[in-house]
Protein backbone atom coordinates (compact mmCIF):
# COMPACT_ATOMS: atom_id res chain seq x y z
CA MET A 1 110.14 -5.15 -194.49
CA GLU A 2 107.12 -6.11 -196.47
CA SER A 3 108.65 -9.60 -197.12
CA ALA A 4 109.60 -9.83 -193.20
CA SER A 5 106.01 -9.59 -192.56
CA SER A 6 105.18 -12.06 -195.06
CA LEU A 7 107.56 -14.25 -193.34
CA ARG A 8 106.38 -13.67 -190.02
CA PHE A 9 102.40 -14.26 -191.40
CA SER A 10 103.40 -17.54 -193.23
CA LEU A 11 105.08 -18.80 -189.76
CA PHE A 12 102.01 -17.71 -187.82
CA ASP A 13 100.05 -19.59 -190.26
CA LEU A 14 101.92 -22.66 -190.39
CA ILE A 15 101.62 -22.74 -186.14
CA HIS A 16 98.18 -22.54 -186.66
CA ARG A 17 97.46 -25.12 -189.20
CA LEU A 18 99.55 -27.61 -186.93
CA ILE A 19 97.54 -26.84 -184.18
CA PHE A 20 94.39 -26.94 -185.52
CA PRO A 21 94.26 -29.43 -188.38
CA PRO A 22 92.01 -29.27 -191.18
CA GLU A 23 88.58 -30.50 -190.47
CA SER A 24 86.38 -32.48 -193.24
CA ASN A 25 83.59 -32.85 -191.75
CA CYS A 26 80.88 -34.42 -193.86
CA THR A 27 78.37 -35.27 -191.01
CA SER A 28 76.43 -32.55 -189.05
CA ASP A 29 77.35 -33.45 -185.62
CA THR A 30 78.88 -36.06 -183.79
CA PRO A 31 76.43 -39.38 -183.73
CA SER A 32 75.87 -40.50 -180.21
CA ALA A 33 76.96 -44.00 -178.92
CA PRO A 34 73.61 -45.92 -180.20
CA GLU A 35 73.03 -44.08 -183.35
CA PHE A 36 76.73 -45.32 -184.47
CA LEU A 37 76.68 -48.78 -183.12
CA SER A 38 73.72 -49.80 -184.99
CA ASN A 39 74.97 -47.89 -188.24
CA LEU A 40 78.66 -49.52 -188.10
CA GLU A 41 80.81 -49.93 -191.53
CA PRO A 42 82.15 -53.79 -191.66
CA PHE A 43 85.61 -52.24 -191.13
CA GLN A 44 84.60 -50.87 -187.62
CA VAL A 45 82.58 -54.37 -186.74
CA VAL A 46 85.69 -56.30 -187.54
CA MET A 47 88.44 -53.32 -185.40
CA ILE A 48 85.88 -53.42 -182.27
CA SER A 49 85.50 -57.06 -182.14
CA ILE A 50 89.50 -57.41 -182.49
CA ALA A 51 89.98 -54.48 -180.00
CA SER A 52 87.19 -55.74 -177.73
CA CYS A 53 89.23 -59.86 -177.78
CA LEU A 54 92.48 -58.19 -177.07
CA THR A 55 91.23 -55.48 -174.04
CA LEU A 56 89.88 -58.68 -172.42
CA ILE A 57 92.80 -60.73 -172.40
CA ILE A 58 95.08 -57.82 -171.28
CA LEU A 59 92.76 -57.77 -168.48
CA ILE A 60 92.80 -61.32 -167.13
CA LEU A 61 96.74 -60.71 -167.60
CA ALA A 62 96.13 -57.79 -165.39
CA LEU A 63 94.18 -60.02 -162.82
CA ILE A 64 97.21 -62.45 -163.34
CA HIS A 65 99.87 -59.97 -162.39
CA TRP A 66 97.82 -58.72 -159.46
CA PHE A 67 97.43 -62.39 -157.86
CA TYR A 68 101.69 -62.27 -158.40
CA VAL A 69 102.08 -58.77 -156.69
CA TYR A 70 99.34 -59.65 -153.84
CA ASN A 71 100.97 -63.42 -153.24
CA TYR A 72 105.12 -62.48 -153.41
CA VAL A 73 105.60 -59.01 -152.83
CA ALA A 74 106.31 -58.95 -148.83
CA LEU A 75 106.17 -54.75 -148.09
CA GLU A 76 102.29 -53.48 -148.56
CA GLU A 77 103.63 -50.16 -149.60
CA ARG A 78 105.61 -51.31 -152.57
CA ARG A 79 102.49 -53.90 -153.46
CA ASN A 80 100.38 -50.61 -153.47
CA LYS A 81 102.59 -48.73 -155.69
CA LEU A 82 101.99 -51.82 -158.40
CA TYR A 83 99.07 -52.30 -158.36
CA TRP A 84 98.68 -48.74 -159.77
CA LEU A 85 101.43 -50.13 -162.81
CA VAL A 86 99.55 -53.55 -162.88
CA THR A 87 96.24 -51.67 -164.18
CA LEU A 88 98.12 -49.18 -166.55
CA PHE A 89 97.34 -51.17 -169.69
CA PRO A 90 93.70 -52.63 -168.71
CA VAL A 91 92.69 -48.74 -168.09
CA SER A 92 94.44 -47.80 -170.86
CA THR A 93 92.91 -50.42 -173.45
CA SER A 94 89.54 -49.63 -171.81
CA CYS A 95 90.04 -45.94 -173.02
CA CYS A 96 90.77 -46.49 -176.37
CA LEU A 97 87.66 -49.29 -176.42
CA LEU A 98 85.49 -46.96 -175.21
CA SER A 99 86.59 -44.04 -177.30
CA MET A 100 85.81 -46.61 -180.17
CA LEU A 101 82.64 -47.37 -178.72
CA ILE A 102 81.42 -43.56 -177.96
CA PRO A 103 82.92 -41.35 -180.33
CA ARG A 104 81.07 -38.15 -178.97
CA ALA A 105 82.78 -38.56 -175.45
CA SER A 106 86.28 -39.59 -177.02
CA LEU A 107 87.98 -36.69 -176.15
CA ILE A 108 87.43 -37.06 -172.83
CA ILE A 109 88.23 -40.40 -172.28
CA SER A 110 91.26 -40.18 -173.79
CA ALA A 111 92.27 -37.51 -171.48
CA LEU A 112 91.37 -39.79 -168.37
CA GLY A 113 93.70 -42.04 -169.94
CA ILE A 114 96.46 -39.89 -170.48
CA LEU A 115 95.53 -38.43 -166.79
CA TYR A 116 96.19 -41.96 -165.44
CA PHE A 117 99.34 -42.42 -167.23
CA LEU A 118 100.51 -39.12 -165.74
CA VAL A 119 99.89 -40.83 -162.21
CA CYS A 120 101.32 -44.01 -163.18
CA LEU A 121 105.05 -41.71 -163.92
CA GLN A 122 104.84 -40.09 -160.20
CA ILE A 123 103.85 -43.77 -159.24
CA LEU A 124 107.38 -44.63 -160.98
CA VAL A 125 109.30 -41.88 -159.16
CA SER A 126 107.77 -42.58 -155.85
CA LEU A 127 108.57 -46.52 -156.31
CA CYS A 128 112.05 -45.14 -157.33
CA ARG A 129 112.56 -43.30 -154.23
CA HIS A 130 111.20 -46.43 -151.73
CA LEU A 131 113.79 -48.88 -153.55
CA PHE A 132 116.12 -46.50 -152.02
CA GLY A 133 114.86 -46.41 -148.70
CA GLY A 134 113.69 -42.87 -149.01
CA ARG A 135 115.14 -39.31 -150.53
CA THR A 136 117.83 -39.12 -147.93
CA SER A 137 119.14 -42.28 -148.79
CA PHE A 138 118.55 -41.81 -152.19
CA SER A 139 120.93 -38.60 -152.16
CA ASP A 140 123.15 -39.94 -150.09
CA VAL A 141 124.43 -42.82 -152.05
CA LEU A 142 124.42 -41.26 -155.21
CA GLN A 143 126.67 -38.59 -153.54
CA ILE A 144 128.83 -41.18 -151.86
CA GLU A 145 129.29 -42.51 -155.39
CA SER A 146 130.31 -39.16 -156.81
CA ARG A 147 127.34 -39.26 -159.21
CA GLN A 148 125.61 -36.06 -160.43
CA ILE A 149 122.26 -35.49 -162.30
CA ASP A 150 122.83 -35.39 -165.56
CA PHE A 151 120.41 -33.16 -167.28
CA ARG A 152 121.18 -34.19 -171.08
CA SER A 153 117.47 -35.61 -170.70
CA PRO A 154 114.49 -35.98 -173.71
CA PRO A 155 112.15 -34.52 -174.66
CA PHE A 156 114.23 -31.01 -174.26
CA CYS A 157 117.94 -31.41 -173.63
CA CYS A 158 119.06 -34.60 -175.44
CA LEU A 159 120.51 -32.42 -177.92
CA LEU A 160 122.55 -29.82 -175.86
CA PRO A 161 126.03 -31.86 -174.93
CA LYS A 162 127.33 -29.00 -173.00
CA LEU A 163 124.47 -28.62 -170.22
CA PRO A 164 125.92 -28.45 -166.68
CA ARG A 165 125.36 -31.08 -163.86
CA ALA A 166 123.80 -31.14 -160.48
CA ALA A 167 124.58 -32.51 -157.28
CA ALA A 168 122.20 -35.21 -155.96
CA THR A 169 121.05 -33.42 -153.34
CA GLU A 170 117.62 -33.80 -151.75
CA LYS A 171 116.78 -30.49 -152.60
CA ASN A 172 117.45 -31.13 -156.52
CA LEU A 173 116.10 -34.60 -155.97
CA ARG A 174 112.68 -33.08 -155.04
CA ARG A 175 112.90 -30.30 -157.95
CA LEU A 176 112.94 -33.25 -160.36
CA GLU A 177 110.20 -35.20 -158.60
CA TRP A 178 107.57 -31.70 -158.74
CA PHE A 179 108.63 -31.86 -162.29
CA VAL A 180 106.32 -34.83 -162.74
CA LEU A 181 103.80 -34.07 -159.74
CA GLN A 182 103.02 -31.25 -161.74
CA ALA A 183 101.92 -33.33 -164.73
CA PRO A 184 98.73 -34.90 -163.30
CA ILE A 185 97.41 -31.58 -161.34
CA VAL A 186 97.71 -29.83 -164.95
CA ARG A 187 95.87 -32.28 -166.55
CA SER A 188 93.32 -32.66 -164.22
CA LEU A 189 92.50 -28.97 -164.18
CA ILE A 190 92.69 -29.14 -168.30
CA LEU A 191 90.47 -31.77 -168.33
CA ILE A 192 87.78 -30.03 -165.90
CA VAL A 193 88.28 -27.18 -168.69
CA ASP A 194 87.49 -29.67 -171.31
CA ILE A 195 83.89 -30.83 -169.81
CA VAL A 196 83.40 -27.34 -169.17
CA ALA A 197 84.20 -26.21 -172.34
CA VAL A 198 82.53 -29.22 -174.61
CA THR A 199 79.11 -29.23 -172.15
CA GLU A 200 78.78 -25.31 -172.78
CA LEU A 201 79.91 -24.75 -176.04
CA ARG A 202 79.84 -27.89 -178.10
CA GLU A 203 81.69 -27.66 -181.53
CA ALA A 204 82.31 -23.80 -180.62
CA ALA A 205 84.66 -25.35 -177.74
CA VAL A 206 86.72 -26.88 -180.54
CA PRO A 207 89.85 -23.21 -180.23
CA ILE A 208 89.31 -23.74 -176.34
CA LEU A 209 90.34 -27.64 -176.53
CA ARG A 210 93.36 -27.24 -179.24
CA TYR A 211 94.65 -24.61 -176.64
CA ALA A 212 94.54 -26.78 -173.93
CA ASP A 213 96.14 -29.19 -175.91
CA VAL A 214 99.02 -27.22 -176.34
CA ALA A 215 99.36 -26.55 -172.52
CA ALA A 216 98.79 -30.02 -172.03
CA VAL A 217 101.51 -30.84 -174.08
CA GLY A 218 104.11 -28.53 -172.21
CA SER A 219 103.05 -30.13 -169.26
CA LEU A 220 103.52 -33.16 -170.25
CA MET A 221 107.02 -33.06 -171.56
CA LEU A 222 108.25 -31.23 -168.57
CA ALA A 223 106.84 -34.48 -166.68
CA ILE A 224 108.82 -36.89 -169.03
CA PHE A 225 112.06 -34.91 -168.62
CA GLY A 226 111.75 -35.31 -164.72
CA VAL A 227 111.07 -38.72 -164.86
CA HIS A 228 113.77 -39.81 -167.79
CA THR A 229 116.65 -37.25 -165.55
CA LEU A 230 115.73 -39.28 -162.60
CA ALA A 231 115.54 -43.01 -164.46
CA ARG A 232 118.67 -42.13 -166.28
CA THR A 233 120.34 -41.74 -162.41
CA THR A 234 119.22 -44.76 -160.63
CA ALA A 235 119.31 -47.23 -163.81
CA ASP A 236 122.00 -49.40 -163.04
CA LYS A 237 121.43 -49.34 -158.92
CA LEU A 238 117.83 -50.81 -159.43
CA SER A 239 118.41 -53.40 -161.70
CA ASP A 240 117.27 -56.27 -160.06
CA TYR A 241 114.35 -54.67 -159.43
CA CYS A 242 113.84 -54.37 -163.33
CA PHE A 243 113.38 -50.83 -162.78
CA MET A 244 114.49 -49.38 -166.02
CA THR A 245 112.61 -51.93 -167.93
CA ILE A 246 109.38 -50.88 -166.60
CA PHE A 247 110.17 -47.36 -166.79
CA ARG A 248 110.63 -48.15 -170.66
CA LEU A 249 107.37 -49.97 -170.83
CA VAL A 250 105.37 -47.22 -169.25
CA ASP A 251 107.38 -44.75 -171.27
CA ILE A 252 106.80 -46.30 -174.33
CA SER A 253 103.35 -46.87 -173.90
CA LEU A 254 102.28 -43.23 -172.98
CA LEU A 255 104.11 -42.27 -176.75
CA PHE A 256 101.80 -44.76 -178.05
CA PHE A 257 98.60 -43.24 -176.74
CA SER A 258 98.95 -40.06 -176.78
CA GLY A 259 101.97 -39.55 -179.47
CA GLN A 260 100.29 -41.30 -182.60
CA GLN A 261 96.81 -39.43 -182.83
CA PRO A 262 98.35 -35.52 -183.22
CA ILE A 263 101.50 -36.30 -185.16
CA ILE A 264 100.63 -39.72 -187.45
CA PHE A 265 97.03 -39.56 -187.82
CA GLN A 266 95.70 -35.99 -187.47
CA ASN A 267 98.76 -34.34 -189.51
CA ILE A 268 99.73 -36.69 -191.91
CA LEU A 269 96.87 -39.40 -192.98
CA VAL A 270 94.14 -36.49 -192.23
CA ARG A 271 96.13 -33.90 -193.73
CA PHE A 272 96.93 -36.22 -196.88
CA ASN A 273 93.36 -37.38 -197.18
CA LEU A 274 94.59 -40.68 -196.37
CA ILE A 275 92.15 -40.74 -193.60
CA LYS A 276 88.44 -39.34 -195.29
CA CYS A 277 84.90 -38.86 -193.36
CA GLY A 278 82.27 -41.52 -193.55
CA PRO A 279 78.46 -41.96 -193.05
CA LEU A 280 78.74 -40.98 -189.76
CA LEU A 281 82.11 -39.81 -188.86
CA SER A 282 84.23 -36.86 -189.85
CA SER A 283 87.99 -37.48 -190.77
CA LEU A 284 89.14 -36.41 -187.36
CA GLU A 285 86.93 -38.84 -185.78
CA ASN A 286 87.79 -41.83 -188.46
CA ALA A 287 91.32 -41.24 -187.74
CA ALA A 288 90.55 -41.14 -183.86
CA PHE A 289 88.94 -44.79 -184.33
CA VAL A 290 91.66 -46.48 -186.47
CA CYS A 291 94.44 -44.71 -183.73
CA ASN A 292 92.82 -45.93 -180.72
CA PHE A 293 92.27 -49.66 -182.12
CA VAL A 294 96.16 -49.68 -182.98
CA VAL A 295 96.87 -48.25 -179.98
CA ILE A 296 95.20 -51.22 -178.33
CA CYS A 297 96.83 -53.88 -180.70
CA GLU A 298 100.38 -52.18 -179.40
CA LEU A 299 99.30 -52.38 -176.00
CA PHE A 300 98.69 -55.89 -176.20
CA CYS A 301 102.15 -56.62 -177.70
CA LEU A 302 103.55 -54.46 -174.50
CA CYS A 303 101.82 -56.60 -172.20
CA LEU A 304 102.76 -59.51 -173.45
CA ILE A 305 106.49 -58.12 -173.53
CA ALA A 306 106.14 -57.15 -169.86
CA SER A 307 104.56 -60.56 -168.33
CA TRP A 308 108.03 -62.19 -170.00
CA LEU A 309 110.12 -59.56 -168.95
CA LEU A 310 109.14 -58.65 -165.45
CA SER A 311 108.59 -62.53 -164.42
CA PRO A 312 108.54 -63.18 -161.03
CA ARG A 313 111.60 -65.00 -161.30
CA ARG A 314 113.29 -62.08 -163.24
CA ASN A 315 112.28 -58.95 -161.01
CA ALA A 316 113.60 -59.15 -157.35
CA MET A 317 110.59 -57.19 -155.97
CA PHE A 318 108.78 -60.43 -155.84
CA ASP A 319 110.79 -61.16 -152.64
CA LYS A 320 108.44 -63.76 -151.69
CA LEU A 321 110.05 -65.97 -153.69
CA PRO A 322 112.36 -68.86 -152.53
CA ILE A 323 114.98 -67.73 -155.29
CA TRP A 324 115.10 -64.24 -154.00
CA HIS A 325 114.67 -64.96 -150.66
CA ARG A 326 117.94 -66.60 -150.40
CA THR A 327 120.19 -64.85 -152.92
CA LEU A 328 119.15 -60.96 -152.44
CA PRO A 329 119.04 -58.77 -149.40
CA SER A 330 116.77 -55.50 -149.97
CA LEU A 331 118.02 -52.68 -151.56
CA HIS A 332 117.43 -50.42 -148.36
CA GLU A 333 119.79 -52.80 -146.33
CA THR A 334 122.78 -52.74 -148.89
CA GLU A 335 122.85 -49.49 -149.28
CA GLN A 336 122.71 -48.46 -145.54
CA SER A 337 125.50 -51.05 -145.02
CA ILE A 338 127.37 -48.74 -147.68
CA LEU A 339 126.67 -45.50 -145.83
CA ASP A 340 127.42 -46.63 -142.30
CA ALA A 341 130.75 -47.91 -143.65
CA GLU A 342 131.43 -44.49 -144.93
CA TYR A 343 130.26 -42.94 -141.73
CA GLN A 344 132.83 -44.88 -139.95
CA ASN A 345 135.40 -44.16 -141.88
């Protein structure tokens, strides 16, 4: 009985330590932006300078991407969806840079960045539906090919081989879409809670922020499950539009942006004192500073990769280019001809 109670206490203690990483704050309070920028250490000056240059390059690349979308994508509805995705890298790197410059607002700025990522996940689902010509056409095409929804998707079910599959009905597709749609709604509510807690409670708000993060992670995992399941179901049908490439880039970017700080920097580097507190910042704040720099470097590399893999000559979404105008009919027309032939039979 006593050993069971001790085991239960140890388990709860482990969970508590994972949720609340050890804090070794050497300062009385997080410095304001003017105070922090006036007392930068040499390594911080170097990191901020490099991060600023990389962010500027990403902004320039985003303008080039925007130009090609505006001039070479025929349908306005498709252009509007692509604008969101084109601005993903500049928005996320700008959030990281601002978090480096304004450590006191780092938590709120990072939450805004994740919110934008979640909106882009919803845009991806909407783009997939648009490329099929609507949810009805989407469902009909999958059912004609006897393709079912496979739920063995990360992060929940990829290790469960015996999961049953579901028919690709409109109702089931809508449910998967709702898995993704709930994430930006939940994140918005959590962001409001974070702002109110920080404003009213200051340092005492830390437990509330941690538990809010746990709820946000659950919502994020559900959204990732939904979008992974949809993407895997439609991968080969949208290959000419590089849809899986776009999805993988957004997915990996989200992992870099939201996963590294709690897993690697907080629970490994800070926990084992590999990152220590400095003259102005605590160990956790120093970890967040370094993590934001690393994320900017990673997103810069992904932006270059995206510019290459999604270039107009490789991507049928740029349907105003002569190469696509001559060789590729729209997906909606192709699938509609399949449906018409099926109904006639």
